[in-house]
Amino acid sequence: MSAKSFTEATFKSEVLDSDLLVVVDFWAEWCGPCKMIAPVIEELAGEYAGKVKIGKVDVDSNSSIASKYGVMSIPTLIFFKGGKVMSQVSGVQNKAALKQKIEENL
């Protein structure tokens, strides 16, 4: 299972209304560090399938979501649970650090 793409049209139903923990990767096509973290995001999406929803928001085509959550630098990962922001990390993270963050928020 791969990471989903969240858009302005699907963000509320997929992220805010989800019963699962949702990890949202804010990224852009031109962002080098975003490309570095992308394979880790995909691996985690597979490992946590059914337990955690993991997806991406392209900040260029969905800028209102990024501005609503104060995303100033990318990549930024925001952890949502029950429609609320639980925590947030910015910059390239290794897989172990991201797994720890997911476990903390489950």
PDB file of N, CA and C in Angstrom:
ATOM      1  N   MET A   1       0.843  -1.192   0.000  1.00  0.00           N
ATOM      2  CA  MET A   1       0.000   0.000   0.000  1.00  0.00           C
ATOM      3  C   MET A   1       0.881   1.244   0.000  1.00  0.00           C
ATOM      4  N   SER A   2       0.558   2.178  -0.858  1.00  0.00           N
ATOM      5  CA  SER A   2       1.393   3.378  -0.925  1.00  0.00           C
ATOM      6  C   SER A   2       0.673   4.554  -0.281  1.00  0.00           C
ATOM      7  N   ALA A   3       1.443   5.606  -0.068  1.00  0.00           N
ATOM      8  CA  ALA A   3       0.890   6.820   0.537  1.00  0.00           C
ATOM      9  C   ALA A   3      -0.175   7.410  -0.380  1.00  0.00           C
ATOM     10  N   LYS A   4      -1.236   7.905   0.232  1.00  0.00           N
ATOM     11  CA  LYS A   4      -2.324   8.533  -0.532  1.00  0.00           C
ATOM     12  C   LYS A   4      -1.959   9.972  -0.850  1.00  0.00           C
ATOM     13  N   SER A   5      -2.665  10.535  -1.815  1.00  0.00           N
ATOM     14  CA  SER A   5      -2.542  11.972  -2.064  1.00  0.00           C
ATOM     15  C   SER A   5      -3.788  12.641  -1.514  1.00  0.00           C
ATOM     16  N   PHE A   6      -3.586  13.604  -0.633  1.00  0.00           N
ATOM     17  CA  PHE A   6      -4.698  14.372  -0.092  1.00  0.00           C
ATOM     18  C   PHE A   6      -4.758  15.708  -0.828  1.00  0.00           C
ATOM     19  N   THR A   7      -5.971  16.159  -1.138  1.00  0.00           N
ATOM     20  CA  THR A   7      -6.158  17.438  -1.823  1.00  0.00           C
ATOM     21  C   THR A   7      -7.119  18.288  -1.010  1.00  0.00           C
ATOM     22  N   GLU A   8      -7.313  19.521  -1.453  1.00  0.00           N
ATOM     23  CA  GLU A   8      -8.271  20.381  -0.763  1.00  0.00           C
ATOM     24  C   GLU A   8      -9.662  19.755  -0.774  1.00  0.00           C
ATOM     25  N   ALA A   9      -9.968  18.994  -1.833  1.00  0.00           N
ATOM     26  CA  ALA A   9     -11.290  18.363  -1.943  1.00  0.00           C
ATOM     27  C   ALA A   9     -11.452  17.174  -0.993  1.00  0.00           C
ATOM     28  N   THR A  10     -10.359  16.460  -0.689  1.00  0.00           N
ATOM     29  CA  THR A  10     -10.467  15.228   0.104  1.00  0.00           C
ATOM     30  C   THR A  10      -9.928  15.354   1.528  1.00  0.00           C
ATOM     31  N   PHE A  11      -9.305  16.483   1.860  1.00  0.00           N
ATOM     32  CA  PHE A  11      -8.604  16.609   3.144  1.00  0.00           C
ATOM     33  C   PHE A  11      -9.520  16.377   4.342  1.00  0.00           C
ATOM     34  N   LYS A  12     -10.699  16.986   4.335  1.00  0.00           N
ATOM     35  CA  LYS A  12     -11.602  16.830   5.483  1.00  0.00           C
ATOM     36  C   LYS A  12     -12.023  15.372   5.655  1.00  0.00           C
ATOM     37  N   SER A  13     -12.493  14.731   4.576  1.00  0.00           N
ATOM     38  CA  SER A  13     -12.985  13.357   4.702  1.00  0.00           C
ATOM     39  C   SER A  13     -11.853  12.366   4.975  1.00  0.00           C
ATOM     40  N   GLU A  14     -10.699  12.547   4.340  1.00  0.00           N
ATOM     41  CA  GLU A  14      -9.597  11.589   4.477  1.00  0.00           C
ATOM     42  C   GLU A  14      -8.773  11.792   5.745  1.00  0.00           C
ATOM     43  N   VAL A  15      -8.609  13.044   6.163  1.00  0.00           N
ATOM     44  CA  VAL A  15      -7.714  13.345   7.288  1.00  0.00           C
ATOM     45  C   VAL A  15      -8.498  13.720   8.546  1.00  0.00           C
ATOM     46  N   LEU A  16      -9.262  14.783   8.471  1.00  0.00           N
ATOM     47  CA  LEU A  16      -9.915  15.310   9.679  1.00  0.00           C
ATOM     48  C   LEU A  16     -10.999  14.390  10.211  1.00  0.00           C
ATOM     49  N   ASP A  17     -11.712  13.673   9.315  1.00  0.00           N
ATOM     50  CA  ASP A  17     -12.795  12.792   9.753  1.00  0.00           C
ATOM     51  C   ASP A  17     -12.347  11.343   9.953  1.00  0.00           C
ATOM     52  N   SER A  18     -11.052  11.062   9.817  1.00  0.00           N
ATOM     53  CA  SER A  18     -10.553   9.691   9.922  1.00  0.00           C
ATOM     54  C   SER A  18     -10.563   9.204  11.370  1.00  0.00           C
ATOM     55  N   ASP A  19     -10.876   7.916  11.545  1.00  0.00           N
ATOM     56  CA  ASP A  19     -10.809   7.295  12.871  1.00  0.00           C
ATOM     57  C   ASP A  19      -9.373   6.908  13.216  1.00  0.00           C
ATOM     58  N   LEU A  20      -8.525   6.812  12.198  1.00  0.00           N
ATOM     59  CA  LEU A  20      -7.132   6.410  12.391  1.00  0.00           C
ATOM     60  C   LEU A  20      -6.242   7.629  12.600  1.00  0.00           C
ATOM     61  N   LEU A  21      -5.045   7.382  13.139  1.00  0.00           N
ATOM     62  CA  LEU A  21      -3.998   8.404  13.128  1.00  0.00           C
ATOM     63  C   LEU A  21      -3.652   8.658  11.667  1.00  0.00           C
ATOM     64  N   VAL A  22      -3.520   9.922  11.286  1.00  0.00           N
ATOM     65  CA  VAL A  22      -3.170  10.261   9.903  1.00  0.00           C
ATOM     66  C   VAL A  22      -1.877  11.074   9.913  1.00  0.00           C
ATOM     67  N   VAL A  23      -0.906  10.606   9.135  1.00  0.00           N
ATOM     68  CA  VAL A  23       0.362  11.326   8.981  1.00  0.00           C
ATOM     69  C   VAL A  23       0.336  11.984   7.610  1.00  0.00           C
ATOM     70  N   VAL A  24       0.467  13.305   7.589  1.00  0.00           N
ATOM     71  CA  VAL A  24       0.418  14.047   6.325  1.00  0.00           C
ATOM     72  C   VAL A  24       1.796  14.638   6.045  1.00  0.00           C
ATOM     73  N   ASP A  25       2.336  14.258   4.895  1.00  0.00           N
ATOM     74  CA  ASP A  25       3.627  14.755   4.430  1.00  0.00           C
ATOM     75  C   ASP A  25       3.367  15.934   3.494  1.00  0.00           C
ATOM     76  N   PHE A  26       3.732  17.137   3.937  1.00  0.00           N
ATOM     77  CA  PHE A  26       3.604  18.323   3.078  1.00  0.00           C
ATOM     78  C   PHE A  26       4.881  18.412   2.244  1.00  0.00           C
ATOM     79  N   TRP A  27       4.747  18.407   0.930  1.00  0.00           N
ATOM     80  CA  TRP A  27       5.893  18.313   0.028  1.00  0.00           C
ATOM     81  C   TRP A  27       5.641  19.113  -1.247  1.00  0.00           C
ATOM     82  N   ALA A  28       6.673  19.167  -2.110  1.00  0.00           N
ATOM     83  CA  ALA A  28       6.533  19.760  -3.441  1.00  0.00           C
ATOM     84  C   ALA A  28       7.483  19.045  -4.395  1.00  0.00           C
ATOM     85  N   GLU A  29       7.124  19.031  -5.661  1.00  0.00           N
ATOM     86  CA  GLU A  29       7.890  18.343  -6.697  1.00  0.00           C
ATOM     87  C   GLU A  29       9.335  18.855  -6.767  1.00  0.00           C
ATOM     88  N   TRP A  30       9.543  20.139  -6.573  1.00  0.00           N
ATOM     89  CA  TRP A  30      10.867  20.753  -6.721  1.00  0.00           C
ATOM     90  C   TRP A  30      11.747  20.644  -5.467  1.00  0.00           C
ATOM     91  N   CYS A  31      11.219  20.046  -4.410  1.00  0.00           N
ATOM     92  CA  CYS A  31      11.910  20.017  -3.110  1.00  0.00           C
ATOM     93  C   CYS A  31      12.814  18.783  -2.983  1.00  0.00           C
ATOM     94  N   GLY A  32      14.127  19.019  -2.944  1.00  0.00           N
ATOM     95  CA  GLY A  32      15.098  17.925  -2.829  1.00  0.00           C
ATOM     96  C   GLY A  32      14.926  17.084  -1.576  1.00  0.00           C
ATOM     97  N   PRO A  33      14.878  17.714  -0.385  1.00  0.00           N
ATOM     98  CA  PRO A  33      14.686  16.927   0.838  1.00  0.00           C
ATOM     99  C   PRO A  33      13.378  16.119   0.832  1.00  0.00           C
ATOM    100  N   CYS A  34      12.339  16.652   0.153  1.00  0.00           N
ATOM    101  CA  CYS A  34      11.067  15.917   0.055  1.00  0.00           C
ATOM    102  C   CYS A  34      11.271  14.613  -0.712  1.00  0.00           C
ATOM    103  N   LYS A  35      12.087  14.678  -1.763  1.00  0.00           N
ATOM    104  CA  LYS A  35      12.369  13.469  -2.554  1.00  0.00           C
ATOM    105  C   LYS A  35      13.181  12.469  -1.739  1.00  0.00           C
ATOM    106  N   MET A  36      14.036  12.973  -0.838  1.00  0.00           N
ATOM    107  CA  MET A  36      14.842  12.085   0.004  1.00  0.00           C
ATOM    108  C   MET A  36      13.973  11.317   0.995  1.00  0.00           C
ATOM    109  N   ILE A  37      12.947  11.970   1.519  1.00  0.00           N
ATOM    110  CA  ILE A  37      12.104  11.342   2.548  1.00  0.00           C
ATOM    111  C   ILE A  37      10.989  10.482   1.923  1.00  0.00           C
ATOM    112  N   ALA A  38      10.689  10.703   0.646  1.00  0.00           N
ATOM    113  CA  ALA A  38       9.569  10.003  -0.011  1.00  0.00           C
ATOM    114  C   ALA A  38       9.624   8.474   0.101  1.00  0.00           C
ATOM    115  N   PRO A  39      10.778   7.824  -0.146  1.00  0.00           N
ATOM    116  CA  PRO A  39      10.793   6.351  -0.025  1.00  0.00           C
ATOM    117  C   PRO A  39      10.480   5.863   1.392  1.00  0.00           C
ATOM    118  N   VAL A  40      10.908   6.626   2.397  1.00  0.00           N
ATOM    119  CA  VAL A  40      10.626   6.271   3.793  1.00  0.00           C
ATOM    120  C   VAL A  40       9.121   6.367   4.051  1.00  0.00           C
ATOM    121  N   ILE A  41       8.494   7.427   3.525  1.00  0.00           N
ATOM    122  CA  ILE A  41       7.050   7.615   3.681  1.00  0.00           C
ATOM    123  C   ILE A  41       6.304   6.426   3.060  1.00  0.00           C
ATOM    124  N   GLU A  42       6.741   6.006   1.865  1.00  0.00           N
ATOM    125  CA  GLU A  42       6.109   4.869   1.184  1.00  0.00           C
ATOM    126  C   GLU A  42       6.264   3.584   1.995  1.00  0.00           C
ATOM    127  N   GLU A  43       7.453   3.343   2.534  1.00  0.00           N
ATOM    128  CA  GLU A  43       7.685   2.140   3.351  1.00  0.00           C
ATOM    129  C   GLU A  43       6.777   2.130   4.571  1.00  0.00           C
ATOM    130  N   LEU A  44       6.696   3.269   5.249  1.00  0.00           N
ATOM    131  CA  LEU A  44       5.860   3.363   6.448  1.00  0.00           C
ATOM    132  C   LEU A  44       4.383   3.170   6.105  1.00  0.00           C
ATOM    133  N   ALA A  45       3.959   3.680   4.951  1.00  0.00           N
ATOM    134  CA  ALA A  45       2.562   3.499   4.525  1.00  0.00           C
ATOM    135  C   ALA A  45       2.247   2.016   4.403  1.00  0.00           C
ATOM    136  N   GLY A  46       3.189   1.244   3.881  1.00  0.00           N
ATOM    137  CA  GLY A  46       3.002  -0.203   3.758  1.00  0.00           C
ATOM    138  C   GLY A  46       3.008  -0.892   5.111  1.00  0.00           C
ATOM    139  N   GLU A  47       3.960  -0.516   5.960  1.00  0.00           N
ATOM    140  CA  GLU A  47       4.104  -1.168   7.270  1.00  0.00           C
ATOM    141  C   GLU A  47       2.925  -0.900   8.191  1.00  0.00           C
ATOM    142  N   TYR A  48       2.355   0.292   8.103  1.00  0.00           N
ATOM    143  CA  TYR A  48       1.265   0.670   9.011  1.00  0.00           C
ATOM    144  C   TYR A  48      -0.116   0.588   8.346  1.00  0.00           C
ATOM    145  N   ALA A  49      -0.199  -0.051   7.189  1.00  0.00           N
ATOM    146  CA  ALA A  49      -1.478  -0.164   6.475  1.00  0.00           C
ATOM    147  C   ALA A  49      -2.547  -0.728   7.410  1.00  0.00           C
ATOM    148  N   GLY A  50      -3.706  -0.061   7.453  1.00  0.00           N
ATOM    149  CA  GLY A  50      -4.802  -0.514   8.296  1.00  0.00           C
ATOM    150  C   GLY A  50      -4.768   0.050   9.714  1.00  0.00           C
ATOM    151  N   LYS A  51      -3.579   0.528  10.138  1.00  0.00           N
ATOM    152  CA  LYS A  51      -3.441   1.074  11.490  1.00  0.00           C
ATOM    153  C   LYS A  51      -3.262   2.586  11.473  1.00  0.00           C
ATOM    154  N   VAL A  52      -2.524   3.069  10.474  1.00  0.00           N
ATOM    155  CA  VAL A  52      -2.243   4.496  10.345  1.00  0.00           C
ATOM    156  C   VAL A  52      -2.433   4.866   8.879  1.00  0.00           C
ATOM    157  N   LYS A  53      -3.078   5.988   8.638  1.00  0.00           N
ATOM    158  CA  LYS A  53      -3.239   6.464   7.264  1.00  0.00           C
ATOM    159  C   LYS A  53      -2.095   7.438   6.987  1.00  0.00           C
ATOM    160  N   ILE A  54      -1.357   7.184   5.925  1.00  0.00           N
ATOM    161  CA  ILE A  54      -0.211   8.038   5.592  1.00  0.00           C
ATOM    162  C   ILE A  54      -0.404   8.589   4.187  1.00  0.00           C
ATOM    163  N   GLY A  55      -0.258   9.900   4.068  1.00  0.00           N
ATOM    164  CA  GLY A  55      -0.457  10.512   2.769  1.00  0.00           C
ATOM    165  C   GLY A  55       0.316  11.802   2.612  1.00  0.00           C
ATOM    166  N   LYS A  56       0.166  12.396   1.427  1.00  0.00           N
ATOM    167  CA  LYS A  56       0.942  13.565   1.065  1.00  0.00           C
ATOM    168  C   LYS A  56       0.032  14.687   0.590  1.00  0.00           C
ATOM    169  N   VAL A  57       0.465  15.911   0.851  1.00  0.00           N
ATOM    170  CA  VAL A  57      -0.209  17.097   0.320  1.00  0.00           C
ATOM    171  C   VAL A  57       0.828  17.876  -0.471  1.00  0.00           C
ATOM    172  N   ASP A  58       0.573  18.047  -1.761  1.00  0.00           N
ATOM    173  CA  ASP A  58       1.437  18.866  -2.610  1.00  0.00           C
ATOM    174  C   ASP A  58       1.122  20.329  -2.295  1.00  0.00           C
ATOM    175  N   VAL A  59       2.082  21.041  -1.690  1.00  0.00           N
ATOM    176  CA  VAL A  59       1.812  22.403  -1.228  1.00  0.00           C
ATOM    177  C   VAL A  59       1.586  23.387  -2.380  1.00  0.00           C
ATOM    178  N   ASP A  60       2.117  23.060  -3.557  1.00  0.00           N
ATOM    179  CA  ASP A  60       1.922  23.961  -4.698  1.00  0.00           C
ATOM    180  C   ASP A  60       0.490  23.935  -5.201  1.00  0.00           C
ATOM    181  N   SER A  61      -0.127  22.750  -5.232  1.00  0.00           N
ATOM    182  CA  SER A  61      -1.499  22.678  -5.744  1.00  0.00           C
ATOM    183  C   SER A  61      -2.556  22.707  -4.637  1.00  0.00           C
ATOM    184  N   ASN A  62      -2.121  22.660  -3.374  1.00  0.00           N
ATOM    185  CA  ASN A  62      -3.057  22.696  -2.242  1.00  0.00           C
ATOM    186  C   ASN A  62      -2.561  23.675  -1.181  1.00  0.00           C
ATOM    187  N   SER A  63      -2.258  24.884  -1.615  1.00  0.00           N
ATOM    188  CA  SER A  63      -1.616  25.855  -0.721  1.00  0.00           C
ATOM    189  C   SER A  63      -2.493  26.266   0.455  1.00  0.00           C
ATOM    190  N   SER A  64      -3.822  26.203   0.307  1.00  0.00           N
ATOM    191  CA  SER A  64      -4.681  26.639   1.422  1.00  0.00           C
ATOM    192  C   SER A  64      -4.540  25.697   2.616  1.00  0.00           C
ATOM    193  N   ILE A  65      -4.326  24.403   2.377  1.00  0.00           N
ATOM    194  CA  ILE A  65      -4.136  23.454   3.488  1.00  0.00           C
ATOM    195  C   ILE A  65      -2.822  23.784   4.195  1.00  0.00           C
ATOM    196  N   ALA A  66      -1.764  23.978   3.404  1.00  0.00           N
ATOM    197  CA  ALA A  66      -0.455  24.286   3.984  1.00  0.00           C
ATOM    198  C   ALA A  66      -0.515  25.559   4.820  1.00  0.00           C
ATOM    199  N   SER A  67      -1.187  26.594   4.300  1.00  0.00           N
ATOM    200  CA  SER A  67      -1.233  27.848   5.057  1.00  0.00           C
ATOM    201  C   SER A  67      -2.114  27.716   6.291  1.00  0.00           C
ATOM    202  N   LYS A  68      -3.188  26.927   6.213  1.00  0.00           N
ATOM    203  CA  LYS A  68      -4.061  26.736   7.374  1.00  0.00           C
ATOM    204  C   LYS A  68      -3.297  26.123   8.544  1.00  0.00           C
ATOM    205  N   TYR A  69      -2.361  25.217   8.246  1.00  0.00           N
ATOM    206  CA  TYR A  69      -1.600  24.537   9.300  1.00  0.00           C
ATOM    207  C   TYR A  69      -0.213  25.133   9.507  1.00  0.00           C
ATOM    208  N   GLY A  70       0.025  26.313   8.922  1.00  0.00           N
ATOM    209  CA  GLY A  70       1.258  27.042   9.188  1.00  0.00           C
ATOM    210  C   GLY A  70       2.514  26.364   8.676  1.00  0.00           C
ATOM    211  N   VAL A  71       2.398  25.619   7.590  1.00  0.00           N
ATOM    212  CA  VAL A  71       3.561  24.935   7.030  1.00  0.00           C
ATOM    213  C   VAL A  71       4.436  25.977   6.321  1.00  0.00           C
ATOM    214  N   MET A  72       5.613  26.252   6.893  1.00  0.00           N
ATOM    215  CA  MET A  72       6.511  27.260   6.349  1.00  0.00           C
ATOM    216  C   MET A  72       7.675  26.639   5.594  1.00  0.00           C
ATOM    217  N   SER A  73       8.068  25.435   5.970  1.00  0.00           N
ATOM    218  CA  SER A  73       9.166  24.768   5.282  1.00  0.00           C
ATOM    219  C   SER A  73       8.740  23.334   4.989  1.00  0.00           C
ATOM    220  N   ILE A  74       9.291  22.786   3.929  1.00  0.00           N
ATOM    221  CA  ILE A  74       8.964  21.407   3.574  1.00  0.00           C
ATOM    222  C   ILE A  74      10.255  20.614   3.434  1.00  0.00           C
ATOM    223  N   PRO A  75      10.237  19.317   3.695  1.00  0.00           N
ATOM    224  CA  PRO A  75       9.064  18.563   4.107  1.00  0.00           C
ATOM    225  C   PRO A  75       8.676  18.841   5.566  1.00  0.00           C
ATOM    226  N   THR A  76       7.372  18.896   5.789  1.00  0.00           N
ATOM    227  CA  THR A  76       6.818  18.950   7.142  1.00  0.00           C
ATOM    228  C   THR A  76       5.812  17.817   7.244  1.00  0.00           C
ATOM    229  N   LEU A  77       5.901  17.052   8.318  1.00  0.00           N
ATOM    230  CA  LEU A  77       4.933  15.988   8.573  1.00  0.00           C
ATOM    231  C   LEU A  77       4.085  16.399   9.762  1.00  0.00           C
ATOM    232  N   ILE A  78       2.779  16.352   9.574  1.00  0.00           N
ATOM    233  CA  ILE A  78       1.855  16.674  10.663  1.00  0.00           C
ATOM    234  C   ILE A  78       1.036  15.421  10.983  1.00  0.00           C
ATOM    235  N   PHE A  79       0.919  15.136  12.274  1.00  0.00           N
ATOM    236  CA  PHE A  79       0.200  13.959  12.762  1.00  0.00           C
ATOM    237  C   PHE A  79      -1.164  14.409  13.259  1.00  0.00           C
ATOM    238  N   PHE A  80      -2.228  13.890  12.634  1.00  0.00           N
ATOM    239  CA  PHE A  80      -3.600  14.244  12.991  1.00  0.00           C
ATOM    240  C   PHE A  80      -4.293  13.053  13.642  1.00  0.00           C
ATOM    241  N   LYS A  81      -5.063  13.327  14.681  1.00  0.00           N
ATOM    242  CA  LYS A  81      -5.878  12.280  15.301  1.00  0.00           C
ATOM    243  C   LYS A  81      -7.178  12.928  15.735  1.00  0.00           C
ATOM    244  N   GLY A  82      -8.293  12.358  15.343  1.00  0.00           N
ATOM    245  CA  GLY A  82      -9.586  12.912  15.711  1.00  0.00           C
ATOM    246  C   GLY A  82      -9.777  14.336  15.196  1.00  0.00           C
ATOM    247  N   GLY A  83      -9.163  14.637  14.055  1.00  0.00           N
ATOM    248  CA  GLY A  83      -9.313  15.959  13.461  1.00  0.00           C
ATOM    249  C   GLY A  83      -8.411  17.027  14.057  1.00  0.00           C
ATOM    250  N   LYS A  84      -7.568  16.642  15.032  1.00  0.00           N
ATOM    251  CA  LYS A  84      -6.689  17.613  15.690  1.00  0.00           C
ATOM    252  C   LYS A  84      -5.221  17.305  15.396  1.00  0.00           C
ATOM    253  N   VAL A  85      -4.418  18.364  15.390  1.00  0.00           N
ATOM    254  CA  VAL A  85      -2.970  18.200  15.222  1.00  0.00           C
ATOM    255  C   VAL A  85      -2.387  17.681  16.529  1.00  0.00           C
ATOM    256  N   MET A  86      -1.727  16.527  16.453  1.00  0.00           N
ATOM    257  CA  MET A  86      -1.112  15.931  17.640  1.00  0.00           C
ATOM    258  C   MET A  86       0.343  16.364  17.767  1.00  0.00           C
ATOM    259  N   SER A  87       1.057  16.352  16.647  1.00  0.00           N
ATOM    260  CA  SER A  87       2.444  16.796  16.646  1.00  0.00           C
ATOM    261  C   SER A  87       2.887  17.057  15.218  1.00  0.00           C
ATOM    262  N   GLN A  88       4.119  17.557  15.097  1.00  0.00           N
ATOM    263  CA  GLN A  88       4.612  17.991  13.801  1.00  0.00           C
ATOM    264  C   GLN A  88       6.134  17.894  13.797  1.00  0.00           C
ATOM    265  N   VAL A  89       6.692  17.474  12.673  1.00  0.00           N
ATOM    266  CA  VAL A  89       8.148  17.484  12.508  1.00  0.00           C
ATOM    267  C   VAL A  89       8.469  18.079  11.137  1.00  0.00           C
ATOM    268  N   SER A  90       9.577  18.818  11.075  1.00  0.00           N
ATOM    269  CA  SER A  90       9.999  19.408   9.811  1.00  0.00           C
ATOM    270  C   SER A  90      11.387  18.911   9.446  1.00  0.00           C
ATOM    271  N   GLY A  91      11.654  18.910   8.151  1.00  0.00           N
ATOM    272  CA  GLY A  91      12.970  18.487   7.673  1.00  0.00           C
ATOM    273  C   GLY A  91      13.025  16.989   7.461  1.00  0.00           C
ATOM    274  N   VAL A  92      14.133  16.527   6.893  1.00  0.00           N
ATOM    275  CA  VAL A  92      14.298  15.103   6.609  1.00  0.00           C
ATOM    276  C   VAL A  92      14.499  14.352   7.921  1.00  0.00           C
ATOM    277  N   GLN A  93      13.700  13.307   8.104  1.00  0.00           N
ATOM    278  CA  GLN A  93      13.781  12.455   9.293  1.00  0.00           C
ATOM    279  C   GLN A  93      14.141  11.051   8.837  1.00  0.00           C
ATOM    280  N   ASN A  94      14.880  10.323   9.663  1.00  0.00           N
ATOM    281  CA  ASN A  94      15.134   8.934   9.279  1.00  0.00           C
ATOM    282  C   ASN A  94      13.939   8.070   9.680  1.00  0.00           C
ATOM    283  N   LYS A  95      13.927   6.859   9.169  1.00  0.00           N
ATOM    284  CA  LYS A  95      12.781   5.972   9.374  1.00  0.00           C
ATOM    285  C   LYS A  95      12.546   5.673  10.858  1.00  0.00           C
ATOM    286  N   ALA A  96      13.624   5.436  11.595  1.00  0.00           N
ATOM    287  CA  ALA A  96      13.491   5.116  13.021  1.00  0.00           C
ATOM    288  C   ALA A  96      12.828   6.265  13.779  1.00  0.00           C
ATOM    289  N   ALA A  97      13.233   7.492  13.470  1.00  0.00           N
ATOM    290  CA  ALA A  97      12.655   8.662  14.148  1.00  0.00           C
ATOM    291  C   ALA A  97      11.174   8.799  13.813  1.00  0.00           C
ATOM    292  N   LEU A  98      10.827   8.550  12.560  1.00  0.00           N
ATOM    293  CA  LEU A  98       9.422   8.661  12.161  1.00  0.00           C
ATOM    294  C   LEU A  98       8.575   7.557  12.785  1.00  0.00           C
ATOM    295  N   LYS A  99       9.116   6.343  12.843  1.00  0.00           N
ATOM    296  CA  LYS A  99       8.376   5.245  13.487  1.00  0.00           C
ATOM    297  C   LYS A  99       8.118   5.564  14.958  1.00  0.00           C
ATOM    298  N   GLN A 100       9.118   6.122  15.621  1.00  0.00           N
ATOM    299  CA  GLN A 100       8.969   6.482  17.033  1.00  0.00           C
ATOM    300  C   GLN A 100       7.861   7.527  17.189  1.00  0.00           C
ATOM    301  N   LYS A 101       7.840   8.502  16.293  1.00  0.00           N
ATOM    302  CA  LYS A 101       6.838   9.567  16.346  1.00  0.00           C
ATOM    303  C   LYS A 101       5.439   8.983  16.106  1.00  0.00           C
ATOM    304  N   ILE A 102       5.335   8.050  15.168  1.00  0.00           N
ATOM    305  CA  ILE A 102       4.040   7.397  14.899  1.00  0.00           C
ATOM    306  C   ILE A 102       3.572   6.653  16.142  1.00  0.00           C
ATOM    307  N   GLU A 103       4.485   5.872  16.733  1.00  0.00           N
ATOM    308  CA  GLU A 103       4.132   5.081  17.917  1.00  0.00           C
ATOM    309  C   GLU A 103       3.688   5.984  19.068  1.00  0.00           C
ATOM    310  N   GLU A 104       4.354   7.134  19.236  1.00  0.00           N
ATOM    311  CA  GLU A 104       4.001   8.082  20.302  1.00  0.00           C
ATOM    312  C   GLU A 104       2.577   8.604  20.123  1.00  0.00           C
ATOM    313  N   ASN A 105       2.139   8.717  18.890  1.00  0.00           N
ATOM    314  CA  ASN A 105       0.839   9.335  18.595  1.00  0.00           C
ATOM    315  C   ASN A 105      -0.294   8.326  18.430  1.00  0.00           C
ATOM    316  N   LEU A 106       0.030   7.043  18.412  1.00  0.00           N
ATOM    317  CA  LEU A 106      -1.026   6.036  18.223  1.00  0.00           C
ATOM    318  C   LEU A 106      -1.955   5.963  19.426  1.00  0.00           C
TER     319      LEU A 106
END
